PDB file of N, CA and C in Angstrom:
ATOM      1  N   MET A   1      -4.205  -3.184 -10.332  1.00  0.00           N
ATOM      2  CA  MET A   1      -3.097  -2.751  -9.507  1.00  0.00           C
ATOM      3  C   MET A   1      -2.709  -1.337  -9.903  1.00  0.00           C
ATOM      4  N   ARG A   2      -2.328  -0.568  -8.933  1.00  0.00           N
ATOM      5  CA  ARG A   2      -1.916   0.809  -9.185  1.00  0.00           C
ATOM      6  C   ARG A   2      -0.640   1.083  -8.407  1.00  0.00           C
ATOM      7  N   LEU A   3       0.343   1.651  -9.077  1.00  0.00           N
ATOM      8  CA  LEU A   3       1.602   2.040  -8.442  1.00  0.00           C
ATOM      9  C   LEU A   3       1.721   3.547  -8.522  1.00  0.00           C
ATOM     10  N   ILE A   4       1.931   4.172  -7.384  1.00  0.00           N
ATOM     11  CA  ILE A   4       2.116   5.611  -7.332  1.00  0.00           C
ATOM     12  C   ILE A   4       3.439   5.870  -6.631  1.00  0.00           C
ATOM     13  N   VAL A   5       4.263   6.686  -7.255  1.00  0.00           N
ATOM     14  CA  VAL A   5       5.548   7.036  -6.658  1.00  0.00           C
ATOM     15  C   VAL A   5       5.413   8.434  -6.063  1.00  0.00           C
ATOM     16  N   ALA A   6       5.701   8.537  -4.774  1.00  0.00           N
ATOM     17  CA  ALA A   6       5.647   9.825  -4.081  1.00  0.00           C
ATOM     18  C   ALA A   6       7.058  10.212  -3.660  1.00  0.00           C
ATOM     19  N   PRO A   7       7.280  11.475  -3.384  1.00  0.00           N
ATOM     20  CA  PRO A   7       8.601  11.874  -2.892  1.00  0.00           C
ATOM     21  C   PRO A   7       8.955  11.116  -1.615  1.00  0.00           C
ATOM     22  N   GLY A   8      10.222  10.842  -1.428  1.00  0.00           N
ATOM     23  CA  GLY A   8      10.673  10.051  -0.291  1.00  0.00           C
ATOM     24  C   GLY A   8      10.330  10.647   1.061  1.00  0.00           C
ATOM     25  N   GLN A   9      10.209  11.964   1.137  1.00  0.00           N
ATOM     26  CA  GLN A   9       9.924  12.601   2.414  1.00  0.00           C
ATOM     27  C   GLN A   9       8.431  12.668   2.722  1.00  0.00           C
ATOM     28  N   ARG A  10       7.576  12.203   1.810  1.00  0.00           N
ATOM     29  CA  ARG A  10       6.118  12.217   2.019  1.00  0.00           C
ATOM     30  C   ARG A  10       5.668  10.923   2.659  1.00  0.00           C
ATOM     31  N   ASN A  11       4.680  11.018   3.506  1.00  0.00           N
ATOM     32  CA  ASN A  11       4.117   9.854   4.156  1.00  0.00           C
ATOM     33  C   ASN A  11       3.201   9.122   3.163  1.00  0.00           C
ATOM     34  N   ASP A  12       3.183   7.804   3.222  1.00  0.00           N
ATOM     35  CA  ASP A  12       2.360   7.009   2.301  1.00  0.00           C
ATOM     36  C   ASP A  12       0.868   7.308   2.434  1.00  0.00           C
ATOM     37  N   ILE A  13       0.446   7.683   3.619  1.00  0.00           N
ATOM     38  CA  ILE A  13      -0.980   7.908   3.863  1.00  0.00           C
ATOM     39  C   ILE A  13      -1.537   9.031   2.989  1.00  0.00           C
ATOM     40  N   THR A  14      -0.681   9.932   2.522  1.00  0.00           N
ATOM     41  CA  THR A  14      -1.143  11.031   1.675  1.00  0.00           C
ATOM     42  C   THR A  14      -1.625  10.535   0.315  1.00  0.00           C
ATOM     43  N   GLN A  15      -1.278   9.316  -0.055  1.00  0.00           N
ATOM     44  CA  GLN A  15      -1.651   8.761  -1.349  1.00  0.00           C
ATOM     45  C   GLN A  15      -2.846   7.809  -1.268  1.00  0.00           C
ATOM     46  N   ALA A  16      -3.458   7.681  -0.098  1.00  0.00           N
ATOM     47  CA  ALA A  16      -4.539   6.709   0.103  1.00  0.00           C
ATOM     48  C   ALA A  16      -5.711   6.931  -0.853  1.00  0.00           C
ATOM     49  N   GLU A  17      -6.176   8.158  -0.957  1.00  0.00           N
ATOM     50  CA  GLU A  17      -7.319   8.427  -1.840  1.00  0.00           C
ATOM     51  C   GLU A  17      -6.983   8.136  -3.296  1.00  0.00           C
ATOM     52  N   ALA A  18      -5.810   8.520  -3.731  1.00  0.00           N
ATOM     53  CA  ALA A  18      -5.400   8.286  -5.123  1.00  0.00           C
ATOM     54  C   ALA A  18      -5.280   6.795  -5.412  1.00  0.00           C
ATOM     55  N   LEU A  19      -4.836   6.024  -4.435  1.00  0.00           N
ATOM     56  CA  LEU A  19      -4.708   4.578  -4.636  1.00  0.00           C
ATOM     57  C   LEU A  19      -6.065   3.897  -4.758  1.00  0.00           C
ATOM     58  N   LEU A  20      -7.054   4.402  -4.038  1.00  0.00           N
ATOM     59  CA  LEU A  20      -8.379   3.775  -4.027  1.00  0.00           C
ATOM     60  C   LEU A  20      -9.281   4.236  -5.172  1.00  0.00           C
ATOM     61  N   GLU A  21      -8.967   5.357  -5.757  1.00  0.00           N
ATOM     62  CA  GLU A  21      -9.815   5.950  -6.777  1.00  0.00           C
ATOM     63  C   GLU A  21     -10.065   4.994  -7.948  1.00  0.00           C
ATOM     64  N   GLY A  22     -11.353   4.734  -8.217  1.00  0.00           N
ATOM     65  CA  GLY A  22     -11.726   3.897  -9.351  1.00  0.00           C
ATOM     66  C   GLY A  22     -11.747   2.404  -9.079  1.00  0.00           C
ATOM     67  N   PHE A  23     -11.353   1.974  -7.889  1.00  0.00           N
ATOM     68  CA  PHE A  23     -11.367   0.551  -7.541  1.00  0.00           C
ATOM     69  C   PHE A  23     -12.613   0.219  -6.732  1.00  0.00           C
ATOM     70  N   GLU A  24     -13.146  -0.957  -6.956  1.00  0.00           N
ATOM     71  CA  GLU A  24     -14.261  -1.454  -6.142  1.00  0.00           C
ATOM     72  C   GLU A  24     -13.757  -2.639  -5.345  1.00  0.00           C
ATOM     73  N   ALA A  25     -13.987  -2.603  -4.043  1.00  0.00           N
ATOM     74  CA  ALA A  25     -13.525  -3.692  -3.182  1.00  0.00           C
ATOM     75  C   ALA A  25     -14.471  -3.832  -2.000  1.00  0.00           C
ATOM     76  N   ASP A  26     -14.519  -5.031  -1.454  1.00  0.00           N
ATOM     77  CA  ASP A  26     -15.302  -5.256  -0.245  1.00  0.00           C
ATOM     78  C   ASP A  26     -14.496  -4.867   0.988  1.00  0.00           C
ATOM     79  N   TYR A  27     -13.196  -5.154   0.937  1.00  0.00           N
ATOM     80  CA  TYR A  27     -12.293  -4.873   2.056  1.00  0.00           C
ATOM     81  C   TYR A  27     -11.022  -4.207   1.529  1.00  0.00           C
ATOM     82  N   VAL A  28     -10.431  -3.366   2.355  1.00  0.00           N
ATOM     83  CA  VAL A  28      -9.132  -2.779   2.047  1.00  0.00           C
ATOM     84  C   VAL A  28      -8.208  -3.104   3.211  1.00  0.00           C
ATOM     85  N   LEU A  29      -7.127  -3.832   2.899  1.00  0.00           N
ATOM     86  CA  LEU A  29      -6.156  -4.219   3.916  1.00  0.00           C
ATOM     87  C   LEU A  29      -4.985  -3.255   3.890  1.00  0.00           C
ATOM     88  N   ALA A  30      -4.586  -2.788   5.054  1.00  0.00           N
ATOM     89  CA  ALA A  30      -3.438  -1.883   5.149  1.00  0.00           C
ATOM     90  C   ALA A  30      -2.812  -2.018   6.525  1.00  0.00           C
ATOM     91  N   ASP A  31      -1.576  -1.561   6.646  1.00  0.00           N
ATOM     92  CA  ASP A  31      -0.901  -1.652   7.937  1.00  0.00           C
ATOM     93  C   ASP A  31      -1.234  -0.434   8.800  1.00  0.00           C
ATOM     94  N   LYS A  32      -0.641  -0.387   9.973  1.00  0.00           N
ATOM     95  CA  LYS A  32      -0.946   0.666  10.936  1.00  0.00           C
ATOM     96  C   LYS A  32      -0.599   2.063  10.448  1.00  0.00           C
ATOM     97  N   GLY A  33       0.253   2.158   9.459  1.00  0.00           N
ATOM     98  CA  GLY A  33       0.609   3.455   8.902  1.00  0.00           C
ATOM     99  C   GLY A  33      -0.567   4.167   8.249  1.00  0.00           C
ATOM    100  N   TYR A  34      -1.606   3.418   7.893  1.00  0.00           N
ATOM    101  CA  TYR A  34      -2.806   3.975   7.266  1.00  0.00           C
ATOM    102  C   TYR A  34      -3.950   4.115   8.262  1.00  0.00           C
ATOM    103  N   ASP A  35      -3.633   4.168   9.551  1.00  0.00           N
ATOM    104  CA  ASP A  35      -4.647   4.239  10.597  1.00  0.00           C
ATOM    105  C   ASP A  35      -5.241   5.630  10.759  1.00  0.00           C
ATOM    106  N   GLY A  36      -4.799   6.586  10.003  1.00  0.00           N
ATOM    107  CA  GLY A  36      -5.302   7.953  10.130  1.00  0.00           C
ATOM    108  C   GLY A  36      -6.740   8.085   9.652  1.00  0.00           C
ATOM    109  N   LYS A  37      -7.418   9.099  10.163  1.00  0.00           N
ATOM    110  CA  LYS A  37      -8.820   9.340   9.823  1.00  0.00           C
ATOM    111  C   LYS A  37      -9.008   9.541   8.317  1.00  0.00           C
ATOM    112  N   THR A  38      -8.078  10.227   7.678  1.00  0.00           N
ATOM    113  CA  THR A  38      -8.190  10.501   6.240  1.00  0.00           C
ATOM    114  C   THR A  38      -8.235   9.212   5.431  1.00  0.00           C
ATOM    115  N   ALA A  39      -7.328   8.286   5.729  1.00  0.00           N
ATOM    116  CA  ALA A  39      -7.265   7.025   4.983  1.00  0.00           C
ATOM    117  C   ALA A  39      -8.487   6.153   5.267  1.00  0.00           C
ATOM    118  N   VAL A  40      -8.880   6.064   6.522  1.00  0.00           N
ATOM    119  CA  VAL A  40     -10.040   5.236   6.879  1.00  0.00           C
ATOM    120  C   VAL A  40     -11.298   5.804   6.241  1.00  0.00           C
ATOM    121  N   ASP A  41     -11.437   7.125   6.254  1.00  0.00           N
ATOM    122  CA  ASP A  41     -12.598   7.748   5.607  1.00  0.00           C
ATOM    123  C   ASP A  41     -12.590   7.522   4.100  1.00  0.00           C
ATOM    124  N   ALA A  42     -11.420   7.537   3.485  1.00  0.00           N
ATOM    125  CA  ALA A  42     -11.314   7.285   2.037  1.00  0.00           C
ATOM    126  C   ALA A  42     -11.747   5.857   1.707  1.00  0.00           C
ATOM    127  N   VAL A  43     -11.388   4.905   2.559  1.00  0.00           N
ATOM    128  CA  VAL A  43     -11.800   3.510   2.353  1.00  0.00           C
ATOM    129  C   VAL A  43     -13.313   3.391   2.461  1.00  0.00           C
ATOM    130  N   LYS A  44     -13.883   4.010   3.482  1.00  0.00           N
ATOM    131  CA  LYS A  44     -15.338   3.957   3.670  1.00  0.00           C
ATOM    132  C   LYS A  44     -16.063   4.657   2.525  1.00  0.00           C
ATOM    133  N   LYS A  45     -15.504   5.766   2.051  1.00  0.00           N
ATOM    134  CA  LYS A  45     -16.093   6.504   0.932  1.00  0.00           C
ATOM    135  C   LYS A  45     -16.102   5.652  -0.335  1.00  0.00           C
ATOM    136  N   ALA A  46     -15.096   4.790  -0.472  1.00  0.00           N
ATOM    137  CA  ALA A  46     -15.016   3.898  -1.633  1.00  0.00           C
ATOM    138  C   ALA A  46     -15.981   2.721  -1.496  1.00  0.00           C
ATOM    139  N   GLY A  47     -16.667   2.618  -0.359  1.00  0.00           N
ATOM    140  CA  GLY A  47     -17.644   1.558  -0.163  1.00  0.00           C
ATOM    141  C   GLY A  47     -17.048   0.258   0.339  1.00  0.00           C
ATOM    142  N   ALA A  48     -15.883   0.325   0.930  1.00  0.00           N
ATOM    143  CA  ALA A  48     -15.212  -0.876   1.428  1.00  0.00           C
ATOM    144  C   ALA A  48     -15.096  -0.824   2.958  1.00  0.00           C
ATOM    145  N   ILE A  49     -14.803  -1.961   3.519  1.00  0.00           N
ATOM    146  CA  ILE A  49     -14.588  -2.057   4.961  1.00  0.00           C
ATOM    147  C   ILE A  49     -13.082  -1.991   5.206  1.00  0.00           C
ATOM    148  N   PRO A  50     -12.643  -1.041   6.058  1.00  0.00           N
ATOM    149  CA  PRO A  50     -11.203  -0.952   6.332  1.00  0.00           C
ATOM    150  C   PRO A  50     -10.742  -2.062   7.279  1.00  0.00           C
ATOM    151  N   VAL A  51      -9.740  -2.804   6.855  1.00  0.00           N
ATOM    152  CA  VAL A  51      -9.105  -3.820   7.708  1.00  0.00           C
ATOM    153  C   VAL A  51      -7.709  -3.265   7.996  1.00  0.00           C
ATOM    154  N   ILE A  52      -7.711  -2.285   8.895  1.00  0.00           N
ATOM    155  CA  ILE A  52      -6.503  -1.554   9.241  1.00  0.00           C
ATOM    156  C   ILE A  52      -6.356  -1.608  10.753  1.00  0.00           C
ATOM    157  N   SER A  53      -5.300  -2.208  11.212  1.00  0.00           N
ATOM    158  CA  SER A  53      -5.068  -2.334  12.643  1.00  0.00           C
ATOM    159  C   SER A  53      -4.845  -0.955  13.265  1.00  0.00           C
ATOM    160  N   SER A  54      -5.408  -0.750  14.444  1.00  0.00           N
ATOM    161  CA  SER A  54      -5.229   0.515  15.158  1.00  0.00           C
ATOM    162  C   SER A  54      -3.858   0.562  15.807  1.00  0.00           C
ATOM    163  N   ARG A  55      -3.331   1.746  15.920  1.00  0.00           N
ATOM    164  CA  ARG A  55      -2.073   1.912  16.651  1.00  0.00           C
ATOM    165  C   ARG A  55      -2.349   1.702  18.135  1.00  0.00           C
ATOM    166  N   LYS A  56      -1.324   1.318  18.870  1.00  0.00           N
ATOM    167  CA  LYS A  56      -1.559   0.979  20.273  1.00  0.00           C
ATOM    168  C   LYS A  56      -1.952   2.175  21.127  1.00  0.00           C
ATOM    169  N   TYR A  57      -1.641   3.386  20.709  1.00  0.00           N
ATOM    170  CA  TYR A  57      -2.023   4.559  21.495  1.00  0.00           C
ATOM    171  C   TYR A  57      -3.355   5.154  21.045  1.00  0.00           C
ATOM    172  N   SER A  58      -4.053   4.478  20.160  1.00  0.00           N
ATOM    173  CA  SER A  58      -5.323   4.962  19.639  1.00  0.00           C
ATOM    174  C   SER A  58      -6.376   5.023  20.746  1.00  0.00           C
ATOM    175  N   LYS A  59      -7.124   6.128  20.797  1.00  0.00           N
ATOM    176  CA  LYS A  59      -8.149   6.307  21.834  1.00  0.00           C
ATOM    177  C   LYS A  59      -9.344   5.392  21.606  1.00  0.00           C
ATOM    178  N   GLN A  60      -9.671   5.137  20.347  1.00  0.00           N
ATOM    179  CA  GLN A  60     -10.788   4.262  20.011  1.00  0.00           C
ATOM    180  C   GLN A  60     -10.288   3.162  19.085  1.00  0.00           C
ATOM    181  N   PRO A  61      -9.768   2.071  19.668  1.00  0.00           N
ATOM    182  CA  PRO A  61      -9.240   0.988  18.815  1.00  0.00           C
ATOM    183  C   PRO A  61     -10.329   0.400  17.920  1.00  0.00           C
ATOM    184  N   ARG A  62      -9.967   0.100  16.708  1.00  0.00           N
ATOM    185  CA  ARG A  62     -10.886  -0.457  15.725  1.00  0.00           C
ATOM    186  C   ARG A  62     -10.826  -1.977  15.786  1.00  0.00           C
ATOM    187  N   HIS A  63     -11.979  -2.627  15.771  1.00  0.00           N
ATOM    188  CA  HIS A  63     -12.015  -4.092  15.730  1.00  0.00           C
ATOM    189  C   HIS A  63     -11.853  -4.523  14.277  1.00  0.00           C
ATOM    190  N   ILE A  64     -10.944  -5.468  14.045  1.00  0.00           N
ATOM    191  CA  ILE A  64     -10.726  -5.956  12.681  1.00  0.00           C
ATOM    192  C   ILE A  64     -10.800  -7.478  12.663  1.00  0.00           C
ATOM    193  N   ASP A  65     -11.017  -8.009  11.492  1.00  0.00           N
ATOM    194  CA  ASP A  65     -11.015  -9.459  11.287  1.00  0.00           C
ATOM    195  C   ASP A  65      -9.560  -9.922  11.234  1.00  0.00           C
ATOM    196  N   ALA A  66      -9.109 -10.623  12.268  1.00  0.00           N
ATOM    197  CA  ALA A  66      -7.696 -11.019  12.381  1.00  0.00           C
ATOM    198  C   ALA A  66      -7.282 -11.955  11.244  1.00  0.00           C
ATOM    199  N   GLN A  67      -8.151 -12.861  10.843  1.00  0.00           N
ATOM    200  CA  GLN A  67      -7.819 -13.793   9.754  1.00  0.00           C
ATOM    201  C   GLN A  67      -7.615 -13.038   8.439  1.00  0.00           C
ATOM    202  N   LEU A  68      -8.474 -12.088   8.175  1.00  0.00           N
ATOM    203  CA  LEU A  68      -8.362 -11.301   6.950  1.00  0.00           C
ATOM    204  C   LEU A  68      -7.121 -10.407   7.000  1.00  0.00           C
ATOM    205  N   TYR A  69      -6.808  -9.874   8.170  1.00  0.00           N
ATOM    206  CA  TYR A  69      -5.632  -9.009   8.321  1.00  0.00           C
ATOM    207  C   TYR A  69      -4.346  -9.773   8.035  1.00  0.00           C
ATOM    208  N   LYS A  70      -4.338 -11.066   8.312  1.00  0.00           N
ATOM    209  CA  LYS A  70      -3.154 -11.886   8.051  1.00  0.00           C
ATOM    210  C   LYS A  70      -2.849 -11.979   6.552  1.00  0.00           C
ATOM    211  N   GLU A  71      -3.848 -11.793   5.714  1.00  0.00           N
ATOM    212  CA  GLU A  71      -3.662 -11.839   4.260  1.00  0.00           C
ATOM    213  C   GLU A  71      -2.775 -10.692   3.769  1.00  0.00           C
ATOM    214  N   ARG A  72      -2.634  -9.662   4.581  1.00  0.00           N
ATOM    215  CA  ARG A  72      -1.795  -8.515   4.231  1.00  0.00           C
ATOM    216  C   ARG A  72      -0.345  -8.939   4.027  1.00  0.00           C
ATOM    217  N   ASN A  73       0.023 -10.042   4.627  1.00  0.00           N
ATOM    218  CA  ASN A  73       1.396 -10.555   4.516  1.00  0.00           C
ATOM    219  C   ASN A  73       1.775 -10.850   3.065  1.00  0.00           C
ATOM    220  N   ILE A  74       0.812 -11.185   2.220  1.00  0.00           N
ATOM    221  CA  ILE A  74       1.083 -11.425   0.803  1.00  0.00           C
ATOM    222  C   ILE A  74       1.619 -10.143   0.154  1.00  0.00           C
ATOM    223  N   ILE A  75       1.027  -9.021   0.511  1.00  0.00           N
ATOM    224  CA  ILE A  75       1.455  -7.733  -0.027  1.00  0.00           C
ATOM    225  C   ILE A  75       2.848  -7.385   0.489  1.00  0.00           C
ATOM    226  N   GLU A  76       3.063  -7.611   1.773  1.00  0.00           N
ATOM    227  CA  GLU A  76       4.371  -7.303   2.370  1.00  0.00           C
ATOM    228  C   GLU A  76       5.479  -8.152   1.732  1.00  0.00           C
ATOM    229  N   ARG A  77       5.184  -9.424   1.470  1.00  0.00           N
ATOM    230  CA  ARG A  77       6.183 -10.284   0.821  1.00  0.00           C
ATOM    231  C   ARG A  77       6.457  -9.828  -0.597  1.00  0.00           C
ATOM    232  N   PHE A  78       5.411  -9.355  -1.302  1.00  0.00           N
ATOM    233  CA  PHE A  78       5.598  -8.848  -2.662  1.00  0.00           C
ATOM    234  C   PHE A  78       6.593  -7.693  -2.656  1.00  0.00           C
ATOM    235  N   PHE A  79       6.435  -6.746  -1.727  1.00  0.00           N
ATOM    236  CA  PHE A  79       7.369  -5.625  -1.651  1.00  0.00           C
ATOM    237  C   PHE A  79       8.766  -6.091  -1.262  1.00  0.00           C
ATOM    238  N   GLY A  80       8.857  -7.123  -0.442  1.00  0.00           N
ATOM    239  CA  GLY A  80      10.160  -7.686  -0.112  1.00  0.00           C
ATOM    240  C   GLY A  80      10.849  -8.256  -1.342  1.00  0.00           C
ATOM    241  N   TYR A  81      10.097  -8.983  -2.167  1.00  0.00           N
ATOM    242  CA  TYR A  81      10.655  -9.524  -3.413  1.00  0.00           C
ATOM    243  C   TYR A  81      11.058  -8.395  -4.363  1.00  0.00           C
ATOM    244  N   LEU A  82      10.230  -7.360  -4.419  1.00  0.00           N
ATOM    245  CA  LEU A  82      10.504  -6.230  -5.290  1.00  0.00           C
ATOM    246  C   LEU A  82      11.798  -5.525  -4.889  1.00  0.00           C
ATOM    247  N   LYS A  83      12.062  -5.436  -3.607  1.00  0.00           N
ATOM    248  CA  LYS A  83      13.267  -4.763  -3.122  1.00  0.00           C
ATOM    249  C   LYS A  83      14.533  -5.583  -3.361  1.00  0.00           C
ATOM    250  N   GLN A  84      14.382  -6.836  -3.789  1.00  0.00           N
ATOM    251  CA  GLN A  84      15.558  -7.632  -4.136  1.00  0.00           C
ATOM    252  C   GLN A  84      16.194  -7.122  -5.429  1.00  0.00           C
ATOM    253  N   PHE A  85      15.436  -6.377  -6.202  1.00  0.00           N
ATOM    254  CA  PHE A  85      15.988  -5.740  -7.397  1.00  0.00           C
ATOM    255  C   PHE A  85      16.688  -4.470  -6.937  1.00  0.00           C
ATOM    256  N   ARG A  86      17.992  -4.457  -7.048  1.00  0.00           N
ATOM    257  CA  ARG A  86      18.791  -3.352  -6.513  1.00  0.00           C
ATOM    258  C   ARG A  86      18.349  -1.996  -7.062  1.00  0.00           C
ATOM    259  N   ARG A  87      18.009  -1.980  -8.325  1.00  0.00           N
ATOM    260  CA  ARG A  87      17.615  -0.724  -8.964  1.00  0.00           C
ATOM    261  C   ARG A  87      16.325  -0.173  -8.345  1.00  0.00           C
ATOM    262  N   VAL A  88      15.440  -1.048  -7.886  1.00  0.00           N
ATOM    263  CA  VAL A  88      14.205  -0.613  -7.235  1.00  0.00           C
ATOM    264  C   VAL A  88      14.510  -0.124  -5.821  1.00  0.00           C
ATOM    265  N   ALA A  89      15.314  -0.862  -5.096  1.00  0.00           N
ATOM    266  CA  ALA A  89      15.597  -0.540  -3.696  1.00  0.00           C
ATOM    267  C   ALA A  89      16.383   0.759  -3.536  1.00  0.00           C
ATOM    268  N   THR A  90      17.286   1.050  -4.464  1.00  0.00           N
ATOM    269  CA  THR A  90      18.156   2.211  -4.303  1.00  0.00           C
ATOM    270  C   THR A  90      17.643   3.475  -4.978  1.00  0.00           C
ATOM    271  N   ARG A  91      16.759   3.336  -5.955  1.00  0.00           N
ATOM    272  CA  ARG A  91      16.167   4.479  -6.657  1.00  0.00           C
ATOM    273  C   ARG A  91      17.222   5.379  -7.285  1.00  0.00           C
ATOM    274  N   TYR A  92      18.102   4.791  -8.052  1.00  0.00           N
ATOM    275  CA  TYR A  92      19.158   5.556  -8.709  1.00  0.00           C
ATOM    276  C   TYR A  92      18.683   6.366  -9.909  1.00  0.00           C
ATOM    277  N   ASP A  93      17.555   6.009 -10.496  1.00  0.00           N
ATOM    278  CA  ASP A  93      17.090   6.700 -11.699  1.00  0.00           C
ATOM    279  C   ASP A  93      16.792   8.170 -11.422  1.00  0.00           C
ATOM    280  N   LYS A  94      17.198   9.029 -12.336  1.00  0.00           N
ATOM    281  CA  LYS A  94      16.938  10.460 -12.177  1.00  0.00           C
ATOM    282  C   LYS A  94      15.490  10.809 -12.498  1.00  0.00           C
ATOM    283  N   HIS A  95      14.932  10.131 -13.483  1.00  0.00           N
ATOM    284  CA  HIS A  95      13.588  10.452 -13.942  1.00  0.00           C
ATOM    285  C   HIS A  95      12.591   9.443 -13.397  1.00  0.00           C
ATOM    286  N   ILE A  96      11.472   9.954 -12.909  1.00  0.00           N
ATOM    287  CA  ILE A  96      10.450   9.109 -12.296  1.00  0.00           C
ATOM    288  C   ILE A  96       9.867   8.117 -13.298  1.00  0.00           C
ATOM    289  N   GLN A  97       9.769   8.492 -14.580  1.00  0.00           N
ATOM    290  CA  GLN A  97       9.216   7.580 -15.585  1.00  0.00           C
ATOM    291  C   GLN A  97      10.101   6.346 -15.731  1.00  0.00           C
ATOM    292  N   ASN A  98      11.410   6.550 -15.715  1.00  0.00           N
ATOM    293  CA  ASN A  98      12.336   5.416 -15.829  1.00  0.00           C
ATOM    294  C   ASN A  98      12.227   4.503 -14.611  1.00  0.00           C
ATOM    295  N   TYR A  99      12.155   5.112 -13.441  1.00  0.00           N
ATOM    296  CA  TYR A  99      12.062   4.334 -12.208  1.00  0.00           C
ATOM    297  C   TYR A  99      10.763   3.525 -12.176  1.00  0.00           C
ATOM    298  N   LEU A 100       9.661   4.187 -12.455  1.00  0.00           N
ATOM    299  CA  LEU A 100       8.362   3.512 -12.424  1.00  0.00           C
ATOM    300  C   LEU A 100       8.290   2.410 -13.477  1.00  0.00           C
ATOM    301  N   GLY A 101       8.899   2.635 -14.638  1.00  0.00           N
ATOM    302  CA  GLY A 101       8.943   1.608 -15.676  1.00  0.00           C
ATOM    303  C   GLY A 101       9.677   0.368 -15.202  1.00  0.00           C
ATOM    304  N   PHE A 102      10.811   0.559 -14.527  1.00  0.00           N
ATOM    305  CA  PHE A 102      11.545  -0.599 -14.033  1.00  0.00           C
ATOM    306  C   PHE A 102      10.805  -1.276 -12.887  1.00  0.00           C
ATOM    307  N   VAL A 103      10.125  -0.516 -12.053  1.00  0.00           N
ATOM    308  CA  VAL A 103       9.328  -1.122 -10.980  1.00  0.00           C
ATOM    309  C   VAL A 103       8.262  -2.033 -11.577  1.00  0.00           C
ATOM    310  N   LYS A 104       7.632  -1.590 -12.656  1.00  0.00           N
ATOM    311  CA  LYS A 104       6.614  -2.413 -13.314  1.00  0.00           C
ATOM    312  C   LYS A 104       7.221  -3.677 -13.905  1.00  0.00           C
ATOM    313  N   ILE A 105       8.388  -3.557 -14.515  1.00  0.00           N
ATOM    314  CA  ILE A 105       9.072  -4.738 -15.064  1.00  0.00           C
ATOM    315  C   ILE A 105       9.430  -5.708 -13.931  1.00  0.00           C
ATOM    316  N   ALA A 106       9.935  -5.177 -12.823  1.00  0.00           N
ATOM    317  CA  ALA A 106      10.287  -6.019 -11.678  1.00  0.00           C
ATOM    318  C   ALA A 106       9.042  -6.683 -11.097  1.00  0.00           C
ATOM    319  N   ALA A 107       7.930  -5.952 -11.039  1.00  0.00           N
ATOM    320  CA  ALA A 107       6.683  -6.517 -10.522  1.00  0.00           C
ATOM    321  C   ALA A 107       6.209  -7.673 -11.400  1.00  0.00           C
ATOM    322  N   ILE A 108       6.316  -7.520 -12.704  1.00  0.00           N
ATOM    323  CA  ILE A 108       5.945  -8.605 -13.622  1.00  0.00           C
ATOM    324  C   ILE A 108       6.835  -9.818 -13.397  1.00  0.00           C
ATOM    325  N   ALA A 109       8.121  -9.576 -13.202  1.00  0.00           N
ATOM    326  CA  ALA A 109       9.054 -10.682 -12.955  1.00  0.00           C
ATOM    327  C   ALA A 109       8.709 -11.410 -11.668  1.00  0.00           C
ATOM    328  N   VAL A 110       8.290 -10.684 -10.646  1.00  0.00           N
ATOM    329  CA  VAL A 110       7.895 -11.314  -9.372  1.00  0.00           C
ATOM    330  C   VAL A 110       6.618 -12.122  -9.565  1.00  0.00           C
ATOM    331  N   TRP A 111       5.653 -11.576 -10.296  1.00  0.00           N
ATOM    332  CA  TRP A 111       4.376 -12.259 -10.476  1.00  0.00           C
ATOM    333  C   TRP A 111       4.493 -13.552 -11.275  1.00  0.00           C
ATOM    334  N   ILE A 112       5.345 -13.560 -12.295  1.00  0.00           N
ATOM    335  CA  ILE A 112       5.424 -14.769 -13.130  1.00  0.00           C
ATOM    336  C   ILE A 112       6.333 -15.833 -12.527  1.00  0.00           C
ATOM    337  N   LYS A 113       6.997 -15.518 -11.466  1.00  0.00           N
ATOM    338  CA  LYS A 113       7.894 -16.456 -10.795  1.00  0.00           C
ATOM    339  C   LYS A 113       7.143 -17.619 -10.208  1.00  0.00           C
TER     340      LYS A 113
END
């Protein structure tokens, strides 16, 4: 698992390559926010099959495995549980190291639950 904290005004898709770096996977599941060419190319470069739903205005919709895409809900629920920790949801910490440290502690608490 890898956690990367980006500035709030940055789009998550800018971190796609950094998130995939060093991981080996058969499939990469992501939501429509990662439908950009950069993210899809990064997944393919990593040797995985992108399971990323196309946006409805996409000129060339991508066919995906619907059953596998449903597994993404596990990740979404994890972030929902993580946001139950007020300190994670509000980002009050001044220093990124403190914030990321608490996110890791909260993630461990969610996993052992």
